[in-house]
Amino acid sequence: HLIATKKYVYKVEVDGTINYLGEA
């Protein structure tokens, strides 16, 4: 699942690990 905030984008992997992808 990808989450875009006002400033940043994150990805929640299927095991629950969260990775920061970069600036939105």
PDB file of all heavy atoms in Angstrom:
ATOM      1  N   HIS A   1       0.849  -1.189   0.000  1.00  0.00           N
ATOM      2  CA  HIS A   1       0.000   0.000   0.000  1.00  0.00           C
ATOM      3  C   HIS A   1       0.887   1.243   0.000  1.00  0.00           C
ATOM      4  O   HIS A   1       1.804   1.356   0.818  1.00  0.00           O
ATOM      5  CB  HIS A   1      -0.906   0.001   1.236  1.00  0.00           C
ATOM      6  CG  HIS A   1      -2.028   0.967   1.161  1.00  0.00           C
ATOM      7  ND1 HIS A   1      -3.264   0.658   0.641  1.00  0.00           N
ATOM      8  CD2 HIS A   1      -2.111   2.282   1.526  1.00  0.00           C
ATOM      9  CE1 HIS A   1      -4.067   1.706   0.707  1.00  0.00           C
ATOM     10  NE2 HIS A   1      -3.379   2.703   1.242  1.00  0.00           N
ATOM     11  N   LEU A   2       0.610   2.166  -0.916  1.00  0.00           N
ATOM     12  CA  LEU A   2       1.354   3.418  -1.018  1.00  0.00           C
ATOM     13  C   LEU A   2       0.586   4.530  -0.316  1.00  0.00           C
ATOM     14  O   LEU A   2      -0.636   4.631  -0.446  1.00  0.00           O
ATOM     15  CB  LEU A   2       1.579   3.780  -2.483  1.00  0.00           C
ATOM     16  CG  LEU A   2       2.444   2.799  -3.280  1.00  0.00           C
ATOM     17  CD1 LEU A   2       2.363   3.112  -4.768  1.00  0.00           C
ATOM     18  CD2 LEU A   2       3.883   2.850  -2.803  1.00  0.00           C
ATOM     19  N   ILE A   3       1.308   5.364   0.410  1.00  0.00           N
ATOM     20  CA  ILE A   3       0.708   6.470   1.140  1.00  0.00           C
ATOM     21  C   ILE A   3       1.430   7.751   0.737  1.00  0.00           C
ATOM     22  O   ILE A   3       2.647   7.890   0.934  1.00  0.00           O
ATOM     23  CB  ILE A   3       0.827   6.266   2.657  1.00  0.00           C
ATOM     24  CG1 ILE A   3       0.148   4.963   3.066  1.00  0.00           C
ATOM     25  CG2 ILE A   3       0.222   7.448   3.416  1.00  0.00           C
ATOM     26  CD1 ILE A   3       0.642   4.413   4.372  1.00  0.00           C
ATOM     27  N   ALA A   4       0.694   8.673   0.162  1.00  0.00           N
ATOM     28  CA  ALA A   4       1.250   9.967  -0.210  1.00  0.00           C
ATOM     29  C   ALA A   4       0.745  11.017   0.770  1.00  0.00           C
ATOM     30  O   ALA A   4      -0.455  11.240   0.886  1.00  0.00           O
ATOM     31  CB  ALA A   4       0.841  10.334  -1.628  1.00  0.00           C
ATOM     32  N   THR A   5       1.664  11.648   1.498  1.00  0.00           N
ATOM     33  CA  THR A   5       1.304  12.774   2.345  1.00  0.00           C
ATOM     34  C   THR A   5       1.576  14.051   1.559  1.00  0.00           C
ATOM     35  O   THR A   5       1.930  14.007   0.378  1.00  0.00           O
ATOM     36  CB  THR A   5       2.124  12.755   3.647  1.00  0.00           C
ATOM     37  OG1 THR A   5       3.483  13.127   3.361  1.00  0.00           O
ATOM     38  CG2 THR A   5       2.102  11.376   4.285  1.00  0.00           C
ATOM     39  N   LYS A   6       1.419  15.180   2.193  1.00  0.00           N
ATOM     40  CA  LYS A   6       1.662  16.438   1.494  1.00  0.00           C
ATOM     41  C   LYS A   6       3.105  16.535   1.000  1.00  0.00           C
ATOM     42  O   LYS A   6       3.373  17.049  -0.088  1.00  0.00           O
ATOM     43  CB  LYS A   6       1.350  17.614   2.422  1.00  0.00           C
ATOM     44  CG  LYS A   6       1.499  18.981   1.755  1.00  0.00           C
ATOM     45  CD  LYS A   6       1.117  20.087   2.713  1.00  0.00           C
ATOM     46  CE  LYS A   6       1.263  21.454   2.055  1.00  0.00           C
ATOM     47  NZ  LYS A   6       0.917  22.554   3.001  1.00  0.00           N
ATOM     48  N   LYS A   7       4.036  15.975   1.801  1.00  0.00           N
ATOM     49  CA  LYS A   7       5.454  16.136   1.473  1.00  0.00           C
ATOM     50  C   LYS A   7       6.151  14.847   1.035  1.00  0.00           C
ATOM     51  O   LYS A   7       7.136  14.906   0.300  1.00  0.00           O
ATOM     52  CB  LYS A   7       6.198  16.705   2.684  1.00  0.00           C
ATOM     53  CG  LYS A   7       5.748  18.095   3.114  1.00  0.00           C
ATOM     54  CD  LYS A   7       6.542  18.534   4.336  1.00  0.00           C
ATOM     55  CE  LYS A   7       6.108  19.910   4.823  1.00  0.00           C
ATOM     56  NZ  LYS A   7       6.860  20.320   6.045  1.00  0.00           N
ATOM     57  N   TYR A   8       5.650  13.693   1.496  1.00  0.00           N
ATOM     58  CA  TYR A   8       6.426  12.470   1.332  1.00  0.00           C
ATOM     59  C   TYR A   8       5.573  11.317   0.827  1.00  0.00           C
ATOM     60  O   TYR A   8       4.342  11.357   0.906  1.00  0.00           O
ATOM     61  CB  TYR A   8       7.074  12.070   2.668  1.00  0.00           C
ATOM     62  CG  TYR A   8       7.794  13.210   3.343  1.00  0.00           C
ATOM     63  CD1 TYR A   8       7.322  13.730   4.559  1.00  0.00           C
ATOM     64  CD2 TYR A   8       8.923  13.787   2.771  1.00  0.00           C
ATOM     65  CE1 TYR A   8       7.970  14.780   5.179  1.00  0.00           C
ATOM     66  CE2 TYR A   8       9.580  14.840   3.389  1.00  0.00           C
ATOM     67  CZ  TYR A   8       9.098  15.343   4.589  1.00  0.00           C
ATOM     68  OH  TYR A   8       9.733  16.391   5.188  1.00  0.00           O
ATOM     69  N   VAL A   9       6.249  10.285   0.333  1.00  0.00           N
ATOM     70  CA  VAL A   9       5.578   9.060  -0.106  1.00  0.00           C
ATOM     71  C   VAL A   9       6.223   7.871   0.609  1.00  0.00           C
ATOM     72  O   VAL A   9       7.452   7.761   0.670  1.00  0.00           O
ATOM     73  CB  VAL A   9       5.681   8.866  -1.630  1.00  0.00           C
ATOM     74  CG1 VAL A   9       4.987   7.563  -2.048  1.00  0.00           C
ATOM     75  CG2 VAL A   9       5.059  10.047  -2.367  1.00  0.00           C
ATOM     76  N   TYR A  10       5.372   6.992   1.134  1.00  0.00           N
ATOM     77  CA  TYR A  10       5.815   5.797   1.838  1.00  0.00           C
ATOM     78  C   TYR A  10       5.145   4.579   1.217  1.00  0.00           C
ATOM     79  O   TYR A  10       4.105   4.675   0.570  1.00  0.00           O
ATOM     80  CB  TYR A  10       5.436   5.852   3.323  1.00  0.00           C
ATOM     81  CG  TYR A  10       5.961   7.047   4.069  1.00  0.00           C
ATOM     82  CD1 TYR A  10       5.242   8.240   4.114  1.00  0.00           C
ATOM     83  CD2 TYR A  10       7.173   6.976   4.757  1.00  0.00           C
ATOM     84  CE1 TYR A  10       5.716   9.338   4.820  1.00  0.00           C
ATOM     85  CE2 TYR A  10       7.652   8.068   5.475  1.00  0.00           C
ATOM     86  CZ  TYR A  10       6.923   9.244   5.493  1.00  0.00           C
ATOM     87  OH  TYR A  10       7.391  10.332   6.193  1.00  0.00           O
ATOM     88  N   LYS A  11       5.747   3.417   1.466  1.00  0.00           N
ATOM     89  CA  LYS A  11       5.166   2.160   0.990  1.00  0.00           C
ATOM     90  C   LYS A  11       5.137   1.157   2.131  1.00  0.00           C
ATOM     91  O   LYS A  11       6.159   0.893   2.760  1.00  0.00           O
ATOM     92  CB  LYS A  11       5.984   1.595  -0.169  1.00  0.00           C
ATOM     93  CG  LYS A  11       5.411   0.314  -0.780  1.00  0.00           C
ATOM     94  CD  LYS A  11       6.305  -0.182  -1.914  1.00  0.00           C
ATOM     95  CE  LYS A  11       5.752  -1.435  -2.565  1.00  0.00           C
ATOM     96  NZ  LYS A  11       6.662  -1.934  -3.636  1.00  0.00           N
ATOM     97  N   VAL A  12       3.949   0.621   2.408  1.00  0.00           N
ATOM     98  CA  VAL A  12       3.809  -0.438   3.398  1.00  0.00           C
ATOM     99  C   VAL A  12       3.850  -1.770   2.659  1.00  0.00           C
ATOM    100  O   VAL A  12       2.996  -2.049   1.811  1.00  0.00           O
ATOM    101  CB  VAL A  12       2.490  -0.313   4.183  1.00  0.00           C
ATOM    102  CG1 VAL A  12       2.418  -1.390   5.259  1.00  0.00           C
ATOM    103  CG2 VAL A  12       2.348   1.064   4.806  1.00  0.00           C
ATOM    104  N   GLU A  13       4.861  -2.583   2.974  1.00  0.00           N
ATOM    105  CA  GLU A  13       5.010  -3.878   2.328  1.00  0.00           C
ATOM    106  C   GLU A  13       4.022  -4.878   2.931  1.00  0.00           C
ATOM    107  O   GLU A  13       3.401  -4.626   3.963  1.00  0.00           O
ATOM    108  CB  GLU A  13       6.446  -4.386   2.487  1.00  0.00           C
ATOM    109  CG  GLU A  13       7.519  -3.427   1.981  1.00  0.00           C
ATOM    110  CD  GLU A  13       7.519  -3.249   0.472  1.00  0.00           C
ATOM    111  OE1 GLU A  13       6.811  -4.006  -0.230  1.00  0.00           O
ATOM    112  OE2 GLU A  13       8.239  -2.354  -0.019  1.00  0.00           O
ATOM    113  N   VAL A  14       3.894  -6.040   2.296  1.00  0.00           N
ATOM    114  CA  VAL A  14       2.887  -7.009   2.718  1.00  0.00           C
ATOM    115  C   VAL A  14       3.188  -7.599   4.099  1.00  0.00           C
ATOM    116  O   VAL A  14       2.300  -8.171   4.734  1.00  0.00           O
ATOM    117  CB  VAL A  14       2.725  -8.139   1.683  1.00  0.00           C
ATOM    118  CG1 VAL A  14       2.140  -7.602   0.385  1.00  0.00           C
ATOM    119  CG2 VAL A  14       4.048  -8.850   1.434  1.00  0.00           C
ATOM    120  N   ASP A  15       4.431  -7.456   4.585  1.00  0.00           N
ATOM    121  CA  ASP A  15       4.745  -7.926   5.944  1.00  0.00           C
ATOM    122  C   ASP A  15       4.625  -6.808   6.979  1.00  0.00           C
ATOM    123  O   ASP A  15       4.933  -7.020   8.150  1.00  0.00           O
ATOM    124  CB  ASP A  15       6.144  -8.543   5.990  1.00  0.00           C
ATOM    125  CG  ASP A  15       7.250  -7.522   5.750  1.00  0.00           C
ATOM    126  OD1 ASP A  15       6.950  -6.366   5.377  1.00  0.00           O
ATOM    127  OD2 ASP A  15       8.439  -7.884   5.938  1.00  0.00           O
ATOM    128  N   GLY A  16       4.170  -5.629   6.546  1.00  0.00           N
ATOM    129  CA  GLY A  16       3.986  -4.508   7.450  1.00  0.00           C
ATOM    130  C   GLY A  16       5.163  -3.559   7.521  1.00  0.00           C
ATOM    131  O   GLY A  16       5.052  -2.474   8.109  1.00  0.00           O
ATOM    132  N   THR A  17       6.296  -3.925   6.935  1.00  0.00           N
ATOM    133  CA  THR A  17       7.450  -3.033   6.915  1.00  0.00           C
ATOM    134  C   THR A  17       7.128  -1.783   6.110  1.00  0.00           C
ATOM    135  O   THR A  17       6.503  -1.860   5.055  1.00  0.00           O
ATOM    136  CB  THR A  17       8.665  -3.745   6.287  1.00  0.00           C
ATOM    137  OG1 THR A  17       8.962  -4.920   7.033  1.00  0.00           O
ATOM    138  CG2 THR A  17       9.890  -2.834   6.278  1.00  0.00           C
ATOM    139  N   ILE A  18       7.552  -0.619   6.614  1.00  0.00           N
ATOM    140  CA  ILE A  18       7.296   0.648   5.932  1.00  0.00           C
ATOM    141  C   ILE A  18       8.600   1.186   5.360  1.00  0.00           C
ATOM    142  O   ILE A  18       9.607   1.305   6.072  1.00  0.00           O
ATOM    143  CB  ILE A  18       6.698   1.692   6.882  1.00  0.00           C
ATOM    144  CG1 ILE A  18       5.457   1.149   7.579  1.00  0.00           C
ATOM    145  CG2 ILE A  18       6.354   2.972   6.121  1.00  0.00           C
ATOM    146  CD1 ILE A  18       4.937   2.039   8.686  1.00  0.00           C
ATOM    147  N   ASN A  19       8.591   1.528   4.082  1.00  0.00           N
ATOM    148  CA  ASN A  19       9.748   2.125   3.429  1.00  0.00           C
ATOM    149  C   ASN A  19       9.427   3.541   2.976  1.00  0.00           C
ATOM    150  O   ASN A  19       8.332   3.802   2.448  1.00  0.00           O
ATOM    151  CB  ASN A  19      10.180   1.289   2.224  1.00  0.00           C
ATOM    152  CG  ASN A  19      10.752  -0.050   2.623  1.00  0.00           C
ATOM    153  OD1 ASN A  19      11.580  -0.132   3.530  1.00  0.00           O
ATOM    154  ND2 ASN A  19      10.317  -1.119   1.967  1.00  0.00           N
ATOM    155  N   TYR A  20      10.358   4.435   3.213  1.00  0.00           N
ATOM    156  CA  TYR A  20      10.229   5.805   2.718  1.00  0.00           C
ATOM    157  C   TYR A  20      10.722   5.840   1.272  1.00  0.00           C
ATOM    158  O   TYR A  20      11.845   5.425   0.975  1.00  0.00           O
ATOM    159  CB  TYR A  20      11.060   6.752   3.586  1.00  0.00           C
ATOM    160  CG  TYR A  20      11.213   8.141   3.009  1.00  0.00           C
ATOM    161  CD1 TYR A  20      10.101   8.951   2.780  1.00  0.00           C
ATOM    162  CD2 TYR A  20      12.481   8.650   2.696  1.00  0.00           C
ATOM    163  CE1 TYR A  20      10.238  10.221   2.247  1.00  0.00           C
ATOM    164  CE2 TYR A  20      12.622   9.918   2.169  1.00  0.00           C
ATOM    165  CZ  TYR A  20      11.504  10.703   1.944  1.00  0.00           C
ATOM    166  OH  TYR A  20      11.654  11.962   1.408  1.00  0.00           O
ATOM    167  N   LEU A  21       9.876   6.323   0.352  1.00  0.00           N
ATOM    168  CA  LEU A  21      10.219   6.315  -1.069  1.00  0.00           C
ATOM    169  C   LEU A  21      10.812   7.627  -1.560  1.00  0.00           C
ATOM    170  O   LEU A  21      11.561   7.640  -2.535  1.00  0.00           O
ATOM    171  CB  LEU A  21       8.983   5.967  -1.909  1.00  0.00           C
ATOM    172  CG  LEU A  21       8.334   4.611  -1.631  1.00  0.00           C
ATOM    173  CD1 LEU A  21       7.217   4.353  -2.630  1.00  0.00           C
ATOM    174  CD2 LEU A  21       9.362   3.485  -1.679  1.00  0.00           C
ATOM    175  N   GLY A  22      10.465   8.736  -0.917  1.00  0.00           N
ATOM    176  CA  GLY A  22      11.005  10.024  -1.350  1.00  0.00           C
ATOM    177  C   GLY A  22      10.000  11.143  -1.208  1.00  0.00           C
ATOM    178  O   GLY A  22       8.905  10.984  -0.643  1.00  0.00           O
ATOM    179  N   GLU A  23      10.384  12.302  -1.697  1.00  0.00           N
ATOM    180  CA  GLU A  23       9.522  13.483  -1.604  1.00  0.00           C
ATOM    181  C   GLU A  23       8.373  13.391  -2.592  1.00  0.00           C
ATOM    182  O   GLU A  23       8.545  12.974  -3.742  1.00  0.00           O
ATOM    183  CB  GLU A  23      10.340  14.745  -1.857  1.00  0.00           C
ATOM    184  CG  GLU A  23      11.419  14.989  -0.810  1.00  0.00           C
ATOM    185  CD  GLU A  23      12.227  16.247  -1.096  1.00  0.00           C
ATOM    186  OE1 GLU A  23      11.930  16.920  -2.100  1.00  0.00           O
ATOM    187  OE2 GLU A  23      13.131  16.550  -0.300  1.00  0.00           O
ATOM    188  N   ALA A  24       7.201  13.785  -2.151  1.00  0.00           N
ATOM    189  CA  ALA A  24       5.997  13.695  -2.989  1.00  0.00           C
ATOM    190  C   ALA A  24       6.125  14.527  -4.249  1.00  0.00           C
ATOM    191  O   ALA A  24       5.678  14.123  -5.326  1.00  0.00           O
ATOM    192  CB  ALA A  24       4.778  14.125  -2.187  1.00  0.00           C
TER     193      ALA A  24
END
